[in-house]
Amino acid sequence: MVNCSRASAFVSIQIEHDRRIGNVVLEILDEQGRVIYKEEGKALTGELVRRLDKGQLPRGTHRLKVHFRDQDLSQEFTIE
């Protein structure tokens, strides 16, 4: 789930799974498909929460891609 509210200075990313998430790759792509943010890590629980500063990301429509275990998730969001 991605929450990008105009009232907040942050983009909130929350991943929940019924098992331990393990190795995870987060990518944010711009409208042209270029990777503008990438994070690789390991989550030892079933929940992973990240807050990214909107000031570090350009305005426009972006796509969050998440890969962990056998899951590939994707969600669009807009920074105004």
N, C-alpha and C. Protein backbone atom coordinates (compact mmCIF):
# COMPACT_ATOMS: atom_id res chain seq x y z
N MET A 1 0.84 -1.17 0.00
CA MET A 1 0.00 0.00 0.00
C MET A 1 0.89 1.24 0.00
N VAL A 2 0.56 2.19 -0.85
CA VAL A 2 1.27 3.46 -0.91
C VAL A 2 0.29 4.57 -0.54
N ASN A 3 0.71 5.46 0.36
CA ASN A 3 -0.11 6.60 0.73
C ASN A 3 0.71 7.85 0.46
N CYS A 4 0.19 8.69 -0.45
CA CYS A 4 0.89 9.91 -0.83
C CYS A 4 -0.11 11.06 -0.76
N SER A 5 -0.30 11.58 0.43
CA SER A 5 -1.28 12.63 0.66
C SER A 5 -0.65 14.00 0.42
N ARG A 6 -1.44 14.94 -0.09
CA ARG A 6 -0.95 16.31 -0.30
C ARG A 6 -0.60 16.98 1.04
N ALA A 7 -1.28 16.57 2.10
CA ALA A 7 -1.08 17.18 3.41
C ALA A 7 0.20 16.70 4.10
N SER A 8 0.81 15.65 3.59
CA SER A 8 2.00 15.08 4.21
C SER A 8 3.24 15.35 3.36
N ALA A 9 4.38 15.47 4.01
CA ALA A 9 5.65 15.66 3.31
C ALA A 9 6.31 14.33 2.97
N PHE A 10 5.61 13.23 3.26
CA PHE A 10 6.19 11.91 3.07
C PHE A 10 5.32 11.02 2.18
N VAL A 11 5.97 10.08 1.53
CA VAL A 11 5.30 8.98 0.85
C VAL A 11 5.43 7.79 1.79
N SER A 12 4.31 7.23 2.21
CA SER A 12 4.31 6.09 3.13
C SER A 12 4.11 4.81 2.35
N ILE A 13 4.98 3.85 2.58
CA ILE A 13 4.90 2.54 1.94
C ILE A 13 4.75 1.51 3.04
N GLN A 14 3.73 0.65 2.92
CA GLN A 14 3.49 -0.37 3.94
C GLN A 14 3.23 -1.70 3.25
N ILE A 15 4.00 -2.71 3.63
CA ILE A 15 3.84 -4.06 3.10
C ILE A 15 3.51 -4.97 4.26
N GLU A 16 2.44 -5.74 4.11
CA GLU A 16 2.06 -6.71 5.14
C GLU A 16 1.91 -8.08 4.50
N HIS A 17 2.38 -9.10 5.22
CA HIS A 17 2.28 -10.48 4.73
C HIS A 17 2.06 -11.38 5.93
N ASP A 18 1.42 -12.50 5.73
CA ASP A 18 1.13 -13.39 6.85
C ASP A 18 2.36 -14.18 7.31
N ARG A 19 3.43 -14.17 6.52
CA ARG A 19 4.70 -14.81 6.91
C ARG A 19 5.80 -13.76 6.91
N ARG A 20 6.96 -14.16 7.39
CA ARG A 20 8.13 -13.27 7.36
C ARG A 20 8.42 -12.90 5.91
N ILE A 21 8.66 -11.63 5.65
CA ILE A 21 8.85 -11.14 4.27
C ILE A 21 10.19 -11.59 3.71
N GLY A 22 11.26 -11.48 4.45
CA GLY A 22 12.58 -11.89 3.97
C GLY A 22 13.20 -10.82 3.08
N ASN A 23 13.95 -11.25 2.06
CA ASN A 23 14.60 -10.30 1.15
C ASN A 23 13.56 -9.54 0.35
N VAL A 24 13.75 -8.24 0.24
CA VAL A 24 12.78 -7.40 -0.45
C VAL A 24 13.53 -6.35 -1.28
N VAL A 25 12.95 -6.04 -2.45
CA VAL A 25 13.47 -4.98 -3.32
C VAL A 25 12.34 -4.00 -3.58
N LEU A 26 12.56 -2.72 -3.24
CA LEU A 26 11.61 -1.64 -3.51
C LEU A 26 12.18 -0.76 -4.60
N GLU A 27 11.38 -0.46 -5.61
CA GLU A 27 11.80 0.45 -6.67
C GLU A 27 10.69 1.45 -6.95
N ILE A 28 11.06 2.69 -7.18
CA ILE A 28 10.11 3.70 -7.64
C ILE A 28 10.57 4.12 -9.02
N LEU A 29 9.66 4.01 -9.98
CA LEU A 29 9.95 4.36 -11.36
C LEU A 29 9.17 5.60 -11.75
N ASP A 30 9.78 6.44 -12.60
CA ASP A 30 9.07 7.63 -13.08
C ASP A 30 8.19 7.26 -14.27
N GLU A 31 7.58 8.26 -14.89
CA GLU A 31 6.65 8.01 -16.00
C GLU A 31 7.31 7.38 -17.22
N GLN A 32 8.61 7.59 -17.38
CA GLN A 32 9.35 7.00 -18.51
C GLN A 32 9.91 5.62 -18.18
N GLY A 33 9.68 5.13 -16.97
CA GLY A 33 10.14 3.81 -16.58
C GLY A 33 11.54 3.78 -16.00
N ARG A 34 12.13 4.95 -15.75
CA ARG A 34 13.47 5.01 -15.14
C ARG A 34 13.37 4.84 -13.63
N VAL A 35 14.30 4.10 -13.06
CA VAL A 35 14.34 3.90 -11.61
C VAL A 35 14.87 5.17 -10.96
N ILE A 36 14.06 5.78 -10.09
CA ILE A 36 14.49 6.99 -9.39
C ILE A 36 14.78 6.73 -7.92
N TYR A 37 14.39 5.56 -7.43
CA TYR A 37 14.70 5.16 -6.05
C TYR A 37 14.73 3.64 -6.01
N LYS A 38 15.73 3.10 -5.34
CA LYS A 38 15.81 1.64 -5.19
C LYS A 38 16.38 1.33 -3.81
N GLU A 39 15.77 0.36 -3.17
CA GLU A 39 16.22 -0.09 -1.86
C GLU A 39 16.13 -1.60 -1.81
N GLU A 40 17.19 -2.23 -1.35
CA GLU A 40 17.20 -3.67 -1.15
C GLU A 40 17.49 -3.94 0.31
N GLY A 41 16.79 -4.90 0.88
CA GLY A 41 17.01 -5.21 2.28
C GLY A 41 16.32 -6.49 2.68
N LYS A 42 16.19 -6.66 3.98
CA LYS A 42 15.59 -7.87 4.52
C LYS A 42 14.65 -7.48 5.65
N ALA A 43 13.44 -8.00 5.61
CA ALA A 43 12.45 -7.76 6.66
C ALA A 43 12.27 -9.07 7.43
N LEU A 44 12.55 -9.03 8.71
CA LEU A 44 12.48 -10.24 9.53
C LEU A 44 11.10 -10.49 10.11
N THR A 45 10.14 -9.61 9.81
CA THR A 45 8.77 -9.78 10.28
C THR A 45 7.83 -9.81 9.07
N GLY A 46 6.55 -9.86 9.33
CA GLY A 46 5.54 -9.85 8.26
C GLY A 46 5.11 -8.46 7.86
N GLU A 47 5.79 -7.44 8.37
CA GLU A 47 5.42 -6.06 8.04
C GLU A 47 6.67 -5.25 7.75
N LEU A 48 6.58 -4.40 6.73
CA LEU A 48 7.67 -3.49 6.39
C LEU A 48 7.05 -2.12 6.12
N VAL A 49 7.57 -1.09 6.79
CA VAL A 49 7.05 0.26 6.63
C VAL A 49 8.21 1.18 6.28
N ARG A 50 8.02 2.00 5.26
CA ARG A 50 9.01 3.00 4.86
C ARG A 50 8.32 4.34 4.67
N ARG A 51 9.01 5.40 5.03
CA ARG A 51 8.53 6.76 4.78
C ARG A 51 9.63 7.48 4.01
N LEU A 52 9.29 7.93 2.82
CA LEU A 52 10.24 8.62 1.96
C LEU A 52 9.86 10.09 1.87
N ASP A 53 10.84 10.96 1.90
CA ASP A 53 10.64 12.39 1.80
C ASP A 53 10.24 12.74 0.36
N LYS A 54 9.07 13.38 0.21
CA LYS A 54 8.61 13.76 -1.13
C LYS A 54 9.54 14.76 -1.79
N GLY A 55 10.26 15.54 -1.00
CA GLY A 55 11.19 16.52 -1.55
C GLY A 55 12.34 15.89 -2.33
N GLN A 56 12.61 14.61 -2.09
CA GLN A 56 13.68 13.90 -2.79
C GLN A 56 13.21 13.30 -4.12
N LEU A 57 11.90 13.31 -4.36
CA LEU A 57 11.33 12.71 -5.57
C LEU A 57 10.72 13.79 -6.45
N PRO A 58 10.81 13.65 -7.77
CA PRO A 58 10.21 14.64 -8.66
C PRO A 58 8.68 14.53 -8.66
N ARG A 59 8.02 15.61 -9.03
CA ARG A 59 6.56 15.59 -9.13
C ARG A 59 6.13 14.77 -10.34
N GLY A 60 4.92 14.24 -10.25
CA GLY A 60 4.37 13.46 -11.36
C GLY A 60 3.85 12.11 -10.90
N THR A 61 3.50 11.29 -11.86
CA THR A 61 2.98 9.96 -11.59
C THR A 61 4.14 8.98 -11.55
N HIS A 62 4.17 8.15 -10.52
CA HIS A 62 5.23 7.17 -10.33
C HIS A 62 4.63 5.80 -10.10
N ARG A 63 5.46 4.78 -10.23
CA ARG A 63 5.03 3.41 -9.96
C ARG A 63 5.98 2.80 -8.94
N LEU A 64 5.40 2.27 -7.87
CA LEU A 64 6.16 1.53 -6.87
C LEU A 64 6.12 0.06 -7.26
N LYS A 65 7.29 -0.56 -7.34
CA LYS A 65 7.38 -1.99 -7.61
C LYS A 65 8.07 -2.64 -6.42
N VAL A 66 7.48 -3.72 -5.93
CA VAL A 66 8.01 -4.44 -4.78
C VAL A 66 8.15 -5.90 -5.16
N HIS A 67 9.32 -6.46 -4.85
CA HIS A 67 9.53 -7.89 -5.10
C HIS A 67 10.03 -8.52 -3.80
N PHE A 68 9.33 -9.56 -3.34
CA PHE A 68 9.78 -10.36 -2.21
C PHE A 68 9.22 -11.76 -2.35
N ARG A 69 10.00 -12.72 -1.90
CA ARG A 69 9.64 -14.15 -2.04
C ARG A 69 9.16 -14.43 -3.45
N ASP A 70 7.93 -14.88 -3.60
CA ASP A 70 7.37 -15.15 -4.92
C ASP A 70 6.35 -14.08 -5.31
N GLN A 71 6.43 -12.92 -4.69
CA GLN A 71 5.46 -11.84 -4.91
C GLN A 71 6.10 -10.70 -5.72
N ASP A 72 5.37 -10.22 -6.71
CA ASP A 72 5.72 -9.01 -7.45
C ASP A 72 4.51 -8.10 -7.38
N LEU A 73 4.63 -6.99 -6.69
CA LEU A 73 3.53 -6.06 -6.51
C LEU A 73 3.86 -4.73 -7.17
N SER A 74 2.82 -4.03 -7.62
CA SER A 74 3.03 -2.75 -8.28
C SER A 74 1.83 -1.85 -7.99
N GLN A 75 2.11 -0.57 -7.74
CA GLN A 75 1.04 0.39 -7.50
C GLN A 75 1.48 1.77 -7.95
N GLU A 76 0.59 2.48 -8.63
CA GLU A 76 0.87 3.85 -9.05
C GLU A 76 0.48 4.84 -7.97
N PHE A 77 1.21 5.98 -7.94
CA PHE A 77 0.88 7.06 -7.04
C PHE A 77 1.37 8.36 -7.68
N THR A 78 0.84 9.49 -7.21
CA THR A 78 1.18 10.78 -7.79
C THR A 78 1.70 11.72 -6.71
N ILE A 79 2.77 12.41 -7.05
CA ILE A 79 3.30 13.47 -6.18
C ILE A 79 2.97 14.78 -6.84
N GLU A 80 2.23 15.62 -6.13
CA GLU A 80 1.79 16.91 -6.68
C GLU A 80 2.62 18.05 -6.15
